[in-house]
Amino acid sequence: MTIDKLILSTGANGRFASLVVPELARRGARVRGLVHSEENTTEARSKGAAEVAVGDLRDPRSLDRALDGVDGVFYLGPLFAEDESQLGLNMVAAARRAGVRRFVFSSIIHPTLAFEGHTTKISVESALYESGLEFVILHPATFFQNIQAAWPAILEHGIIAEPYSNRSRLARVDCRAARWLGQPIIKPTISALDWQRSGMKNVGTIRAQ
């Protein structure tokens, strides 16, 4: 299947968004990857980006250049950035100026929770509702890969220490299952909605690979 549309993906060389780029390319989309520096362009192309734009979410002019001729945007903001909310607002505003048709925002599950990295998504979601753009807001649950750095200590002590009650049922998503992330941007029947995504299967034990 070939999709005659140009899609801009932020974080095209990052840990999560870089998984969306090859899936979009596999489905026939032409992807322009947005990276922060020239040294990341080769990696973005290796992920499947047909074009690469170097830009800064804090620089509206660079976003205008990156969005030139773009039909759709896949936006995943830099988590824990001090000005994360403003960066997302900059991208939404730039998409409107560029006449982008569709905007997919990978937010976070339960953004209203008073956790770091959650509430910063609220203003970006609100901006999309008021933007006049076709949009999809994704609310993925916790990624399995977030425990990767702590994995040696987990194996050593047999404990996963997280700031949740041990009675809570926590859904996790494997970020390698990135297919669904790109689906809303190329599926014209999906528009103007919030989409929660979590693991649907009960996993009793996490095993070392």
Protein backbone atom coordinates (compact mmCIF):
# COMPACT_ATOMS: atom_id res chain seq x y z
CA MET A 1 0.00 0.00 0.00
CA THR A 2 1.32 3.45 -0.91
CA ILE A 3 0.19 6.58 0.91
CA ASP A 4 0.77 9.75 -1.06
CA LYS A 5 1.19 11.89 2.05
CA LEU A 6 4.22 13.30 3.85
CA ILE A 7 4.28 12.64 7.59
CA LEU A 8 6.56 14.42 10.05
CA SER A 9 7.65 12.37 13.06
CA THR A 10 9.42 13.99 15.99
CA GLY A 11 12.09 12.06 17.83
CA ALA A 12 12.84 10.03 14.73
CA ASN A 13 16.06 8.75 16.29
CA GLY A 14 14.66 8.38 19.82
CA ARG A 15 13.85 5.30 21.86
CA PHE A 16 10.08 5.19 21.21
CA ALA A 17 9.22 7.42 18.24
CA SER A 18 11.95 5.75 16.18
CA LEU A 19 9.83 2.59 16.28
CA VAL A 20 6.94 4.40 14.62
CA VAL A 21 8.99 5.58 11.64
CA PRO A 22 9.75 2.12 10.17
CA GLU A 23 6.14 1.05 10.68
CA LEU A 24 4.86 4.06 8.77
CA ALA A 25 7.41 3.42 6.03
CA ARG A 26 6.39 -0.25 5.89
CA ARG A 27 2.83 0.85 5.22
CA GLY A 28 3.95 3.01 2.33
CA ALA A 29 4.04 6.42 3.99
CA ARG A 30 6.74 8.95 3.18
CA VAL A 31 8.22 10.01 6.51
CA ARG A 32 10.22 13.12 7.31
CA GLY A 33 12.03 12.63 10.58
CA LEU A 34 12.59 15.60 12.87
CA VAL A 35 15.88 15.50 14.78
CA HIS A 36 17.63 18.01 16.98
CA SER A 37 21.09 17.93 15.38
CA GLU A 38 22.82 17.02 12.14
CA GLU A 39 24.63 14.12 13.78
CA ASN A 40 21.30 12.32 14.26
CA THR A 41 20.24 12.42 10.61
CA THR A 42 21.95 9.17 9.60
CA GLU A 43 20.27 7.25 12.40
CA ALA A 44 16.85 8.66 11.48
CA ARG A 45 17.33 7.59 7.87
CA SER A 46 18.38 4.11 9.02
CA LYS A 47 15.01 3.84 10.79
CA GLY A 48 13.18 4.44 7.52
CA ALA A 49 12.85 8.22 7.26
CA ALA A 50 12.88 9.23 3.59
CA GLU A 51 13.72 12.81 4.57
CA VAL A 52 15.23 14.37 7.68
CA ALA A 53 14.68 17.88 9.03
CA VAL A 54 16.91 19.38 11.69
CA GLY A 55 14.92 21.59 14.02
CA ASP A 56 14.30 22.73 17.57
CA LEU A 57 10.93 22.63 19.29
CA ARG A 58 11.86 25.93 20.90
CA ASP A 59 12.45 27.57 17.51
CA PRO A 60 9.16 28.22 15.62
CA ARG A 61 10.98 29.08 12.39
CA SER A 62 12.73 25.73 12.32
CA LEU A 63 9.36 24.03 12.87
CA ASP A 64 7.85 25.99 9.99
CA ARG A 65 10.62 24.69 7.72
CA ALA A 66 10.22 21.13 8.98
CA LEU A 67 6.44 21.21 8.39
CA ASP A 68 6.57 22.58 4.87
CA GLY A 69 4.43 20.34 2.66
CA VAL A 70 3.52 17.99 5.54
CA ASP A 71 0.08 16.38 5.68
CA GLY A 72 0.31 14.70 9.10
CA VAL A 73 2.33 14.93 12.31
CA PHE A 74 3.24 12.25 14.82
CA TYR A 75 4.29 14.13 17.96
CA LEU A 76 5.99 12.64 20.99
CA GLY A 77 7.41 15.33 23.25
CA PRO A 78 10.65 15.18 25.24
CA LEU A 79 9.64 13.68 28.57
CA PHE A 80 10.62 15.65 31.70
CA ALA A 81 11.81 18.67 29.74
CA GLU A 82 11.33 21.72 31.94
CA ASP A 83 9.22 23.43 29.27
CA GLU A 84 7.58 20.27 27.87
CA SER A 85 4.13 21.87 27.74
CA GLN A 86 5.36 24.88 25.77
CA LEU A 87 7.24 22.66 23.33
CA GLY A 88 4.02 20.80 22.54
CA LEU A 89 2.12 24.05 22.16
CA ASN A 90 4.80 25.26 19.75
CA MET A 91 4.32 22.18 17.60
CA VAL A 92 0.52 22.47 17.54
CA ALA A 93 0.76 26.15 16.59
CA ALA A 94 3.29 25.38 13.85
CA ALA A 95 1.08 22.60 12.49
CA ARG A 96 -1.82 25.04 12.23
CA ARG A 97 0.32 27.61 10.42
CA ALA A 98 1.50 24.95 7.98
CA GLY A 99 -2.03 23.76 7.20
CA VAL A 100 -1.35 20.23 8.50
CA ARG A 101 -4.42 18.01 8.12
CA ARG A 102 -3.90 15.50 10.91
CA PHE A 103 -2.02 15.57 14.23
CA VAL A 104 -1.35 12.48 16.37
CA PHE A 105 -0.13 13.24 19.88
CA SER A 106 1.36 10.44 21.96
CA SER A 107 0.42 11.69 25.42
CA ILE A 108 0.34 9.51 28.54
CA ILE A 109 -2.25 7.46 30.37
CA HIS A 110 -4.15 9.49 33.00
CA PRO A 111 -2.51 12.87 32.30
CA THR A 112 -4.47 14.48 35.13
CA LEU A 113 -2.58 12.50 37.76
CA ALA A 114 -0.25 14.72 39.77
CA PHE A 115 2.86 12.86 38.59
CA GLU A 116 5.92 14.32 36.92
CA GLY A 117 5.53 14.05 33.16
CA HIS A 118 1.73 13.65 33.31
CA THR A 119 0.14 17.05 33.88
CA THR A 120 2.49 18.68 31.35
CA LYS A 121 0.43 16.97 28.62
CA ILE A 122 -2.87 18.64 29.55
CA SER A 123 -2.28 22.00 27.88
CA VAL A 124 -1.15 20.30 24.66
CA GLU A 125 -4.29 18.16 24.58
CA SER A 126 -6.43 21.24 25.21
CA ALA A 127 -4.70 23.08 22.37
CA LEU A 128 -5.52 20.25 19.99
CA TYR A 129 -9.21 20.36 20.93
CA GLU A 130 -9.23 24.06 20.08
CA SER A 131 -6.98 23.83 17.01
CA GLY A 132 -9.46 22.94 14.29
CA LEU A 133 -7.09 20.14 13.20
CA GLU A 134 -8.04 16.51 12.78
CA PHE A 135 -6.34 14.93 15.76
CA VAL A 136 -5.86 11.74 17.72
CA ILE A 137 -4.54 11.70 21.28
CA LEU A 138 -2.91 8.46 22.39
CA HIS A 139 -2.78 7.56 26.08
CA PRO A 140 -0.29 4.67 26.28
CA ALA A 141 0.27 2.96 29.60
CA THR A 142 3.68 2.34 31.14
CA PHE A 143 6.26 0.86 28.78
CA PHE A 144 8.04 -2.32 29.81
CA GLN A 145 11.26 -0.72 28.56
CA ASN A 146 11.11 1.89 31.33
CA ILE A 147 12.46 -0.69 33.78
CA GLN A 148 15.42 -1.59 31.56
CA ALA A 149 17.92 0.56 33.46
CA ALA A 150 16.87 -1.00 36.78
CA TRP A 151 16.81 -4.56 35.44
CA PRO A 152 20.21 -5.68 36.90
CA ALA A 153 19.11 -4.59 40.40
CA ILE A 154 15.72 -6.27 39.92
CA LEU A 155 17.44 -9.54 39.08
CA GLU A 156 19.82 -9.18 42.02
CA HIS A 157 17.21 -8.37 44.68
CA GLY A 158 14.05 -9.85 43.18
CA ILE A 159 12.15 -6.60 43.74
CA ILE A 160 10.59 -4.09 41.36
CA ALA A 161 10.37 -0.85 43.35
CA GLU A 162 7.81 1.61 41.97
CA PRO A 163 5.73 4.43 43.53
CA TYR A 164 2.47 2.47 43.42
CA SER A 165 0.55 0.34 45.88
CA ASN A 166 1.46 -3.34 45.66
CA ARG A 167 -2.27 -3.96 45.38
CA SER A 168 -2.52 -1.94 42.18
CA ARG A 169 -2.91 -3.74 38.87
CA LEU A 170 -0.53 -2.04 36.47
CA ALA A 171 -0.84 -2.48 32.70
CA ARG A 172 2.34 -2.27 30.65
CA VAL A 173 2.97 -1.93 26.94
CA ASP A 174 5.93 -3.29 25.00
CA CYS A 175 7.16 -0.36 22.93
CA ARG A 176 8.32 -2.81 20.26
CA ALA A 177 4.62 -3.25 19.46
CA ALA A 178 4.73 0.16 17.82
CA ARG A 179 2.37 -0.71 14.99
CA TRP A 180 -0.67 0.79 16.69
CA LEU A 181 1.12 4.11 17.33
CA GLY A 182 1.27 4.94 13.66
CA GLN A 183 -2.14 3.56 12.77
CA PRO A 184 -4.22 6.68 13.53
CA ILE A 185 -2.14 8.92 11.30
CA ILE A 186 -2.69 6.81 8.19
CA LYS A 187 -6.23 5.59 8.88
CA PRO A 188 -8.66 8.29 7.71
CA THR A 189 -11.58 6.80 9.65
CA ILE A 190 -9.90 7.68 12.95
CA SER A 191 -10.26 11.37 13.77
CA ALA A 192 -10.70 13.65 16.78
CA LEU A 193 -10.54 11.11 19.57
CA ASP A 194 -8.66 10.05 22.68
CA TRP A 195 -7.27 6.54 22.50
CA GLN A 196 -6.08 4.70 25.59
CA ARG A 197 -3.70 1.83 25.05
CA SER A 198 -2.48 -0.71 27.58
CA GLY A 199 -1.53 -4.34 27.78
CA MET A 200 -4.67 -6.45 27.48
CA LYS A 201 -3.16 -9.69 28.67
CA ASN A 202 -2.60 -10.53 32.32
CA VAL A 203 1.12 -11.16 32.84
CA GLY A 204 1.91 -12.87 36.12
CA THR A 205 5.69 -13.00 35.89
CA ILE A 206 8.32 -10.83 34.29
CA ARG A 207 11.16 -13.03 33.11
CA ALA A 208 14.69 -12.17 32.07
CA GLN A 209 15.25 -12.45 28.35
